[in-house]
């Protein structure tokens, strides 16, 4: 049975389904990356797997808010390139302190994401891993379209 035969024709995913899928995918990626950092970086400590799940969810929420704010500032300051770059950098730089503080407030001694540099590396790893998964997902979709066009 082919993939086309398994999927009913005319079924489309809704915006809410896509948001749910995106958040689920990102949180699962964040859980994996967080736990790899816990395993291989002795400075980063998370007391349990359950807490790592909640930490991943909180990181997803924080990163979404930070990226939305960064995009708003970027578009609001289109006219002034210097201010746009400065405030974008300030948000992205300062957000690491915000992440450390919020994680500390919510989880206290149960989670330690290390120092500033550790958080920067962690956030970069989270974003890069998410983008790699997105690239793979899009590549698989374009290859399937190309294969379907050849066979039709």
N, C-alpha and C. Protein backbone atom coordinates (compact mmCIF):
# COMPACT_ATOMS: atom_id res chain seq x y z
N UNK A 1 0.84 -1.16 0.00
CA UNK A 1 0.00 0.00 0.00
C UNK A 1 0.90 1.24 0.00
N UNK A 2 0.66 2.16 -0.90
CA UNK A 2 1.47 3.37 -1.00
C UNK A 2 0.98 4.42 0.00
N UNK A 3 1.78 5.45 0.17
CA UNK A 3 1.42 6.52 1.10
C UNK A 3 0.14 7.21 0.65
N UNK A 4 -0.05 7.32 -0.68
CA UNK A 4 -1.26 7.97 -1.20
C UNK A 4 -2.50 7.16 -0.86
N UNK A 5 -2.38 5.83 -0.86
CA UNK A 5 -3.53 5.00 -0.57
C UNK A 5 -3.90 5.05 0.90
N UNK A 6 -2.94 5.32 1.77
CA UNK A 6 -3.20 5.40 3.21
C UNK A 6 -3.86 6.72 3.59
N UNK A 7 -3.58 7.79 2.86
CA UNK A 7 -4.11 9.10 3.18
C UNK A 7 -5.37 9.35 2.35
N UNK A 8 -6.49 9.66 3.02
CA UNK A 8 -7.71 9.94 2.27
C UNK A 8 -7.54 11.16 1.39
N UNK A 9 -8.07 11.09 0.19
CA UNK A 9 -7.97 12.22 -0.74
C UNK A 9 -8.81 13.38 -0.24
N UNK A 10 -8.30 14.59 -0.45
CA UNK A 10 -9.02 15.79 -0.06
C UNK A 10 -8.87 16.16 1.41
N UNK A 11 -8.07 15.40 2.18
CA UNK A 11 -7.87 15.72 3.58
C UNK A 11 -6.73 16.74 3.68
N UNK A 12 -7.03 17.85 4.32
CA UNK A 12 -6.03 18.90 4.50
C UNK A 12 -5.82 19.13 5.98
N UNK A 13 -4.62 19.50 6.34
CA UNK A 13 -4.36 19.79 7.74
C UNK A 13 -4.74 21.24 8.03
N UNK A 14 -5.27 21.46 9.21
CA UNK A 14 -5.67 22.80 9.61
C UNK A 14 -4.47 23.54 10.19
N UNK A 15 -4.65 24.83 10.38
CA UNK A 15 -3.58 25.65 10.97
C UNK A 15 -3.29 25.18 12.39
N UNK A 16 -4.33 24.85 13.16
CA UNK A 16 -4.13 24.36 14.52
C UNK A 16 -3.37 23.04 14.55
N UNK A 17 -3.65 22.15 13.59
CA UNK A 17 -2.92 20.88 13.50
C UNK A 17 -1.45 21.14 13.20
N UNK A 18 -1.18 22.07 12.33
CA UNK A 18 0.21 22.38 11.98
C UNK A 18 0.95 23.00 13.18
N UNK A 19 0.26 23.86 13.92
CA UNK A 19 0.87 24.44 15.13
C UNK A 19 1.16 23.35 16.15
N UNK A 20 0.19 22.47 16.36
CA UNK A 20 0.37 21.36 17.30
C UNK A 20 1.55 20.49 16.89
N UNK A 21 1.62 20.15 15.60
CA UNK A 21 2.72 19.33 15.11
C UNK A 21 4.06 20.03 15.29
N UNK A 22 4.11 21.32 14.97
CA UNK A 22 5.34 22.09 15.09
C UNK A 22 5.82 22.15 16.54
N UNK A 23 4.92 22.44 17.46
CA UNK A 23 5.29 22.52 18.87
C UNK A 23 5.72 21.16 19.40
N UNK A 24 5.00 20.10 19.03
CA UNK A 24 5.36 18.76 19.48
C UNK A 24 6.75 18.39 18.98
N UNK A 25 6.99 18.63 17.71
CA UNK A 25 8.30 18.34 17.11
C UNK A 25 9.40 19.11 17.81
N UNK A 26 9.19 20.41 18.01
CA UNK A 26 10.21 21.25 18.64
C UNK A 26 10.48 20.82 20.08
N UNK A 27 9.42 20.53 20.84
CA UNK A 27 9.61 20.12 22.23
C UNK A 27 10.37 18.80 22.29
N UNK A 28 10.04 17.87 21.42
CA UNK A 28 10.77 16.59 21.40
C UNK A 28 12.24 16.79 21.04
N UNK A 29 12.50 17.66 20.08
CA UNK A 29 13.88 17.99 19.72
C UNK A 29 14.59 18.63 20.91
N UNK A 30 13.93 19.55 21.58
CA UNK A 30 14.53 20.23 22.73
C UNK A 30 14.82 19.24 23.86
N UNK A 31 13.93 18.28 24.08
CA UNK A 31 14.16 17.27 25.12
C UNK A 31 15.43 16.49 24.81
N UNK A 32 15.58 16.08 23.56
CA UNK A 32 16.75 15.31 23.16
C UNK A 32 18.02 16.15 23.33
N UNK A 33 18.01 17.37 22.82
CA UNK A 33 19.20 18.23 22.91
C UNK A 33 19.54 18.53 24.37
N UNK A 34 18.53 18.88 25.16
CA UNK A 34 18.77 19.15 26.59
C UNK A 34 19.43 17.96 27.28
N UNK A 35 18.88 16.78 27.06
CA UNK A 35 19.41 15.60 27.74
C UNK A 35 20.79 15.21 27.24
N UNK A 36 21.10 15.49 25.97
CA UNK A 36 22.46 15.28 25.48
C UNK A 36 23.43 16.26 26.16
N UNK A 37 23.00 17.50 26.33
CA UNK A 37 23.84 18.48 27.03
C UNK A 37 24.04 18.05 28.49
N UNK A 38 22.99 17.56 29.13
CA UNK A 38 23.11 17.10 30.52
C UNK A 38 24.11 15.95 30.60
N UNK A 39 24.05 15.05 29.62
CA UNK A 39 24.93 13.89 29.64
C UNK A 39 26.39 14.24 29.38
N UNK A 40 26.63 15.19 28.46
CA UNK A 40 28.00 15.45 28.04
C UNK A 40 28.61 16.75 28.57
N UNK A 41 27.84 17.58 29.24
CA UNK A 41 28.37 18.81 29.81
C UNK A 41 28.10 18.79 31.32
N UNK A 42 29.13 18.59 32.12
CA UNK A 42 28.93 18.43 33.57
C UNK A 42 28.37 19.67 34.27
N UNK A 43 28.43 20.83 33.62
CA UNK A 43 27.92 22.06 34.22
C UNK A 43 26.39 22.10 34.16
N UNK A 44 25.81 21.50 33.12
CA UNK A 44 24.36 21.52 32.93
C UNK A 44 23.75 20.35 33.69
N UNK A 45 22.82 20.69 34.58
CA UNK A 45 22.21 19.67 35.44
C UNK A 45 20.69 19.81 35.40
N UNK A 46 20.02 18.70 35.16
CA UNK A 46 18.57 18.62 35.27
C UNK A 46 18.29 17.36 36.08
N UNK A 47 17.55 17.53 37.18
CA UNK A 47 17.38 16.44 38.15
C UNK A 47 16.70 15.19 37.60
N UNK A 48 15.75 15.35 36.68
CA UNK A 48 15.02 14.17 36.20
C UNK A 48 14.57 14.37 34.76
N UNK A 49 14.19 13.28 34.16
CA UNK A 49 13.69 13.34 32.78
C UNK A 49 12.40 14.15 32.72
N UNK A 50 11.55 14.00 33.72
CA UNK A 50 10.28 14.75 33.76
C UNK A 50 10.56 16.25 33.80
N UNK A 51 11.51 16.66 34.61
CA UNK A 51 11.86 18.07 34.67
C UNK A 51 12.45 18.53 33.34
N UNK A 52 13.18 17.65 32.65
CA UNK A 52 13.72 18.03 31.34
C UNK A 52 12.60 18.27 30.33
N UNK A 53 11.52 17.53 30.45
CA UNK A 53 10.36 17.75 29.57
C UNK A 53 9.77 19.13 29.82
N UNK A 54 9.56 19.46 31.10
CA UNK A 54 9.01 20.77 31.44
C UNK A 54 9.98 21.90 31.08
N UNK A 55 11.26 21.64 31.22
CA UNK A 55 12.26 22.64 30.83
C UNK A 55 12.21 22.86 29.32
N UNK A 56 12.07 21.80 28.56
CA UNK A 56 11.98 21.92 27.10
C UNK A 56 10.75 22.73 26.70
N UNK A 57 9.63 22.49 27.36
CA UNK A 57 8.41 23.25 27.07
C UNK A 57 8.61 24.72 27.39
N UNK A 58 9.20 25.00 28.55
CA UNK A 58 9.45 26.39 28.94
C UNK A 58 10.43 27.06 27.97
N UNK A 59 11.47 26.35 27.56
CA UNK A 59 12.41 26.90 26.58
C UNK A 59 11.73 27.20 25.26
N UNK A 60 10.84 26.33 24.83
CA UNK A 60 10.10 26.55 23.59
C UNK A 60 9.27 27.82 23.70
N UNK A 61 8.57 27.99 24.82
CA UNK A 61 7.76 29.19 25.02
C UNK A 61 8.64 30.44 25.02
N UNK A 62 9.73 30.40 25.78
CA UNK A 62 10.63 31.55 25.86
C UNK A 62 11.24 31.89 24.51
N UNK A 63 11.70 30.88 23.78
CA UNK A 63 12.33 31.14 22.48
C UNK A 63 11.31 31.69 21.48
N UNK A 64 10.07 31.22 21.53
CA UNK A 64 9.03 31.75 20.64
C UNK A 64 8.79 33.23 20.94
N UNK A 65 8.68 33.58 22.22
CA UNK A 65 8.46 34.97 22.61
C UNK A 65 9.64 35.84 22.17
N UNK A 66 10.85 35.37 22.41
CA UNK A 66 12.05 36.13 22.06
C UNK A 66 12.15 36.33 20.55
N UNK A 67 11.90 35.27 19.78
CA UNK A 67 11.98 35.40 18.32
C UNK A 67 10.90 36.31 17.76
N UNK A 68 9.69 36.26 18.32
CA UNK A 68 8.62 37.17 17.88
C UNK A 68 8.99 38.62 18.19
N UNK A 69 9.53 38.85 19.38
CA UNK A 69 9.96 40.20 19.75
C UNK A 69 11.09 40.67 18.83
N UNK A 70 12.03 39.80 18.56
CA UNK A 70 13.15 40.16 17.68
C UNK A 70 12.65 40.51 16.28
N UNK A 71 11.71 39.74 15.75
CA UNK A 71 11.16 40.02 14.41
C UNK A 71 10.38 41.33 14.40
N UNK A 72 9.61 41.60 15.46
CA UNK A 72 8.86 42.85 15.53
C UNK A 72 9.79 44.06 15.54
N UNK A 73 10.82 43.98 16.36
CA UNK A 73 11.79 45.09 16.44
C UNK A 73 12.50 45.24 15.10
N UNK A 74 12.88 44.12 14.50
CA UNK A 74 13.57 44.15 13.21
C UNK A 74 12.72 44.86 12.16
N UNK A 75 11.43 44.52 12.09
CA UNK A 75 10.55 45.13 11.08
C UNK A 75 10.17 46.57 11.45
N UNK A 76 10.07 46.87 12.74
CA UNK A 76 9.71 48.23 13.16
C UNK A 76 10.83 49.22 12.86
N UNK A 77 12.05 48.74 12.84
CA UNK A 77 13.21 49.62 12.63
C UNK A 77 13.82 49.44 11.24
N UNK A 78 12.99 49.14 10.26
CA UNK A 78 13.50 48.94 8.89
C UNK A 78 14.26 50.16 8.38
N UNK A 79 13.80 51.33 8.73
CA UNK A 79 14.39 52.55 8.19
C UNK A 79 15.80 52.80 8.70
N UNK A 80 16.09 52.39 9.91
CA UNK A 80 17.40 52.68 10.49
C UNK A 80 18.16 51.37 10.68
N UNK A 81 19.10 51.12 9.79
CA UNK A 81 19.85 49.86 9.81
C UNK A 81 20.65 49.70 11.09
N UNK A 82 21.29 50.76 11.55
CA UNK A 82 22.10 50.66 12.77
C UNK A 82 21.23 50.27 13.96
N UNK A 83 20.10 50.98 14.16
CA UNK A 83 19.22 50.66 15.29
C UNK A 83 18.64 49.26 15.17
N UNK A 84 18.30 48.88 13.96
CA UNK A 84 17.75 47.53 13.73
C UNK A 84 18.76 46.46 14.16
N UNK A 85 19.98 46.61 13.74
CA UNK A 85 21.02 45.63 14.09
C UNK A 85 21.31 45.68 15.58
N UNK A 86 21.43 46.89 16.14
CA UNK A 86 21.75 47.04 17.55
C UNK A 86 20.67 46.41 18.44
N UNK A 87 19.41 46.75 18.20
CA UNK A 87 18.34 46.23 19.05
C UNK A 87 18.11 44.74 18.84
N UNK A 88 18.29 44.26 17.62
CA UNK A 88 18.18 42.82 17.38
C UNK A 88 19.27 42.09 18.16
N UNK A 89 20.50 42.60 18.09
CA UNK A 89 21.60 41.99 18.84
C UNK A 89 21.33 42.06 20.34
N UNK A 90 20.85 43.22 20.81
CA UNK A 90 20.56 43.41 22.23
C UNK A 90 19.51 42.41 22.72
N UNK A 91 18.47 42.20 21.95
CA UNK A 91 17.42 41.24 22.32
C UNK A 91 18.00 39.82 22.35
N UNK A 92 18.72 39.46 21.30
CA UNK A 92 19.26 38.10 21.24
C UNK A 92 20.32 37.87 22.32
N UNK A 93 21.11 38.86 22.64
CA UNK A 93 22.13 38.75 23.68
C UNK A 93 21.48 38.74 25.07
N UNK A 94 20.62 39.71 25.32
CA UNK A 94 19.99 39.84 26.62
C UNK A 94 19.02 38.70 26.95
N UNK A 95 18.49 38.09 25.93
CA UNK A 95 17.51 37.02 26.15
C UNK A 95 18.13 35.82 26.87
N UNK A 96 19.42 35.63 26.73
CA UNK A 96 20.08 34.50 27.40
C UNK A 96 20.03 34.69 28.92
N UNK A 97 20.17 35.95 29.37
CA UNK A 97 20.04 36.23 30.80
C UNK A 97 18.60 36.00 31.25
N UNK A 98 17.66 36.40 30.42
CA UNK A 98 16.25 36.16 30.73
C UNK A 98 15.96 34.67 30.86
N UNK A 99 16.48 33.89 29.93
CA UNK A 99 16.28 32.44 29.97
C UNK A 99 16.85 31.86 31.26
N UNK A 100 18.07 32.25 31.61
CA UNK A 100 18.68 31.76 32.85
C UNK A 100 17.83 32.12 34.06
N UNK A 101 17.35 33.34 34.11
CA UNK A 101 16.58 33.81 35.27
C UNK A 101 15.23 33.11 35.36
N UNK A 102 14.52 32.99 34.25
CA UNK A 102 13.20 32.35 34.26
C UNK A 102 13.34 30.87 34.64
N UNK A 103 14.31 30.19 34.08
CA UNK A 103 14.53 28.78 34.42
C UNK A 103 14.85 28.65 35.91
N UNK A 104 15.66 29.57 36.43
CA UNK A 104 15.99 29.53 37.85
C UNK A 104 14.77 29.79 38.73
N UNK A 105 13.94 30.74 38.34
CA UNK A 105 12.73 31.04 39.11
C UNK A 105 11.77 29.86 39.10
N UNK A 106 11.56 29.26 37.93
CA UNK A 106 10.58 28.18 37.80
C UNK A 106 11.08 26.88 38.44
N UNK A 107 12.32 26.50 38.18
CA UNK A 107 12.81 25.19 38.61
C UNK A 107 13.78 25.22 39.78
N UNK A 108 14.29 26.39 40.12
CA UNK A 108 15.20 26.51 41.25
C UNK A 108 16.43 25.63 41.09
N UNK A 109 16.73 24.89 42.15
CA UNK A 109 17.95 24.07 42.16
C UNK A 109 17.82 22.78 41.34
N UNK A 110 16.64 22.51 40.80
CA UNK A 110 16.44 21.28 40.02
C UNK A 110 17.03 21.38 38.61
N UNK A 111 17.25 22.61 38.14
CA UNK A 111 17.80 22.80 36.79
C UNK A 111 18.90 23.85 36.87
N UNK A 112 20.05 23.51 36.29
CA UNK A 112 21.15 24.45 36.15
C UNK A 112 21.64 24.36 34.72
N UNK A 113 21.41 25.43 33.96
CA UNK A 113 21.82 25.44 32.55
C UNK A 113 23.24 25.97 32.38
N UNK A 114 23.96 26.10 33.46
CA UNK A 114 25.34 26.54 33.38
C UNK A 114 25.46 28.04 33.37
N UNK A 115 26.55 28.50 32.83
CA UNK A 115 26.83 29.93 32.75
C UNK A 115 26.31 30.48 31.43
N UNK A 116 26.58 31.75 31.20
CA UNK A 116 26.10 32.44 30.01
C UNK A 116 26.52 31.73 28.73
N UNK A 117 27.79 31.36 28.62
CA UNK A 117 28.29 30.70 27.41
C UNK A 117 27.60 29.35 27.19
N UNK A 118 27.36 28.61 28.28
CA UNK A 118 26.65 27.33 28.15
C UNK A 118 25.25 27.52 27.59
N UNK A 119 24.57 28.58 28.04
CA UNK A 119 23.22 28.86 27.55
C UNK A 119 23.26 29.25 26.08
N UNK A 120 24.24 30.06 25.70
CA UNK A 120 24.37 30.43 24.29
C UNK A 120 24.56 29.18 23.43
N UNK A 121 25.47 28.30 23.84
CA UNK A 121 25.70 27.07 23.09
C UNK A 121 24.45 26.19 23.04
N UNK A 122 23.74 26.11 24.17
CA UNK A 122 22.52 25.32 24.22
C UNK A 122 21.46 25.88 23.28
N UNK A 123 21.24 27.18 23.33
CA UNK A 123 20.23 27.80 22.46
C UNK A 123 20.61 27.64 21.00
N UNK A 124 21.88 27.83 20.67
CA UNK A 124 22.32 27.64 19.28
C UNK A 124 22.08 26.19 18.86
N UNK A 125 22.41 25.24 19.73
CA UNK A 125 22.18 23.82 19.41
C UNK A 125 20.70 23.53 19.21
N UNK A 126 19.85 24.12 20.05
CA UNK A 126 18.40 23.92 19.90
C UNK A 126 17.91 24.44 18.56
N UNK A 127 18.31 25.66 18.23
CA UNK A 127 17.86 26.29 16.99
C UNK A 127 18.42 25.57 15.76
N UNK A 128 19.70 25.24 15.79
CA UNK A 128 20.32 24.56 14.64
C UNK A 128 19.69 23.17 14.44
N UNK A 129 19.51 22.44 15.52
CA UNK A 129 18.90 21.11 15.41
C UNK A 129 17.49 21.21 14.84
N UNK A 130 16.72 22.19 15.34
CA UNK A 130 15.36 22.39 14.82
C UNK A 130 15.39 22.71 13.32
N UNK A 131 16.31 23.57 12.91
CA UNK A 131 16.42 23.94 11.50
C UNK A 131 16.86 22.76 10.63
N UNK A 132 17.75 21.92 11.14
CA UNK A 132 18.17 20.72 10.40
C UNK A 132 16.98 19.80 10.18
N UNK A 133 16.18 19.59 11.24
CA UNK A 133 14.98 18.76 11.09
C UNK A 133 14.00 19.36 10.09
N UNK A 134 13.83 20.69 10.12
CA UNK A 134 12.95 21.36 9.16
C UNK A 134 13.47 21.16 7.74
N UNK A 135 14.77 21.29 7.55
CA UNK A 135 15.36 21.11 6.22
C UNK A 135 15.14 19.69 5.72
N UNK A 136 15.36 18.70 6.59
CA UNK A 136 15.13 17.30 6.20
C UNK A 136 13.67 17.09 5.83
N UNK A 137 12.77 17.61 6.64
CA UNK A 137 11.32 17.47 6.40
C UNK A 137 10.94 18.07 5.05
N UNK A 138 11.42 19.30 4.77
CA UNK A 138 11.11 19.94 3.48
C UNK A 138 11.75 19.17 2.32
N UNK A 139 12.97 18.69 2.50
CA UNK A 139 13.66 17.94 1.44
C UNK A 139 12.91 16.66 1.10
N UNK A 140 12.43 15.98 2.12
CA UNK A 140 11.66 14.75 1.86
C UNK A 140 10.38 15.05 1.11
N UNK A 141 9.73 16.17 1.43
CA UNK A 141 8.51 16.56 0.73
C UNK A 141 8.77 16.91 -0.72
N UNK A 142 9.85 17.62 -0.99
CA UNK A 142 10.15 17.99 -2.37
C UNK A 142 10.59 16.78 -3.18
N UNK A 143 11.27 15.82 -2.56
CA UNK A 143 11.66 14.61 -3.28
C UNK A 143 10.44 13.78 -3.64
N UNK A 144 9.45 13.73 -2.74
CA UNK A 144 8.23 12.98 -3.01
C UNK A 144 7.45 13.61 -4.14
N UNK A 145 7.39 14.97 -4.16
CA UNK A 145 6.71 15.66 -5.26
C UNK A 145 7.41 15.37 -6.57
N UNK A 146 8.76 15.42 -6.54
CA UNK A 146 9.52 15.15 -7.76
C UNK A 146 9.28 13.72 -8.26
N UNK A 147 9.22 12.75 -7.34
CA UNK A 147 8.99 11.37 -7.71
C UNK A 147 7.60 11.20 -8.28
N UNK A 148 6.59 11.86 -7.67
CA UNK A 148 5.22 11.77 -8.17
C UNK A 148 5.09 12.39 -9.55
N UNK A 149 5.79 13.47 -9.83
CA UNK A 149 5.73 14.11 -11.14
C UNK A 149 6.36 13.22 -12.20
N UNK A 150 7.40 12.50 -11.86
CA UNK A 150 8.06 11.63 -12.82
C UNK A 150 7.18 10.43 -13.16
N UNK A 151 6.50 9.86 -12.14
CA UNK A 151 5.68 8.66 -12.36
C UNK A 151 4.35 8.97 -13.02
N UNK A 152 3.89 10.22 -12.95
CA UNK A 152 2.57 10.58 -13.55
C UNK A 152 2.70 10.89 -14.97
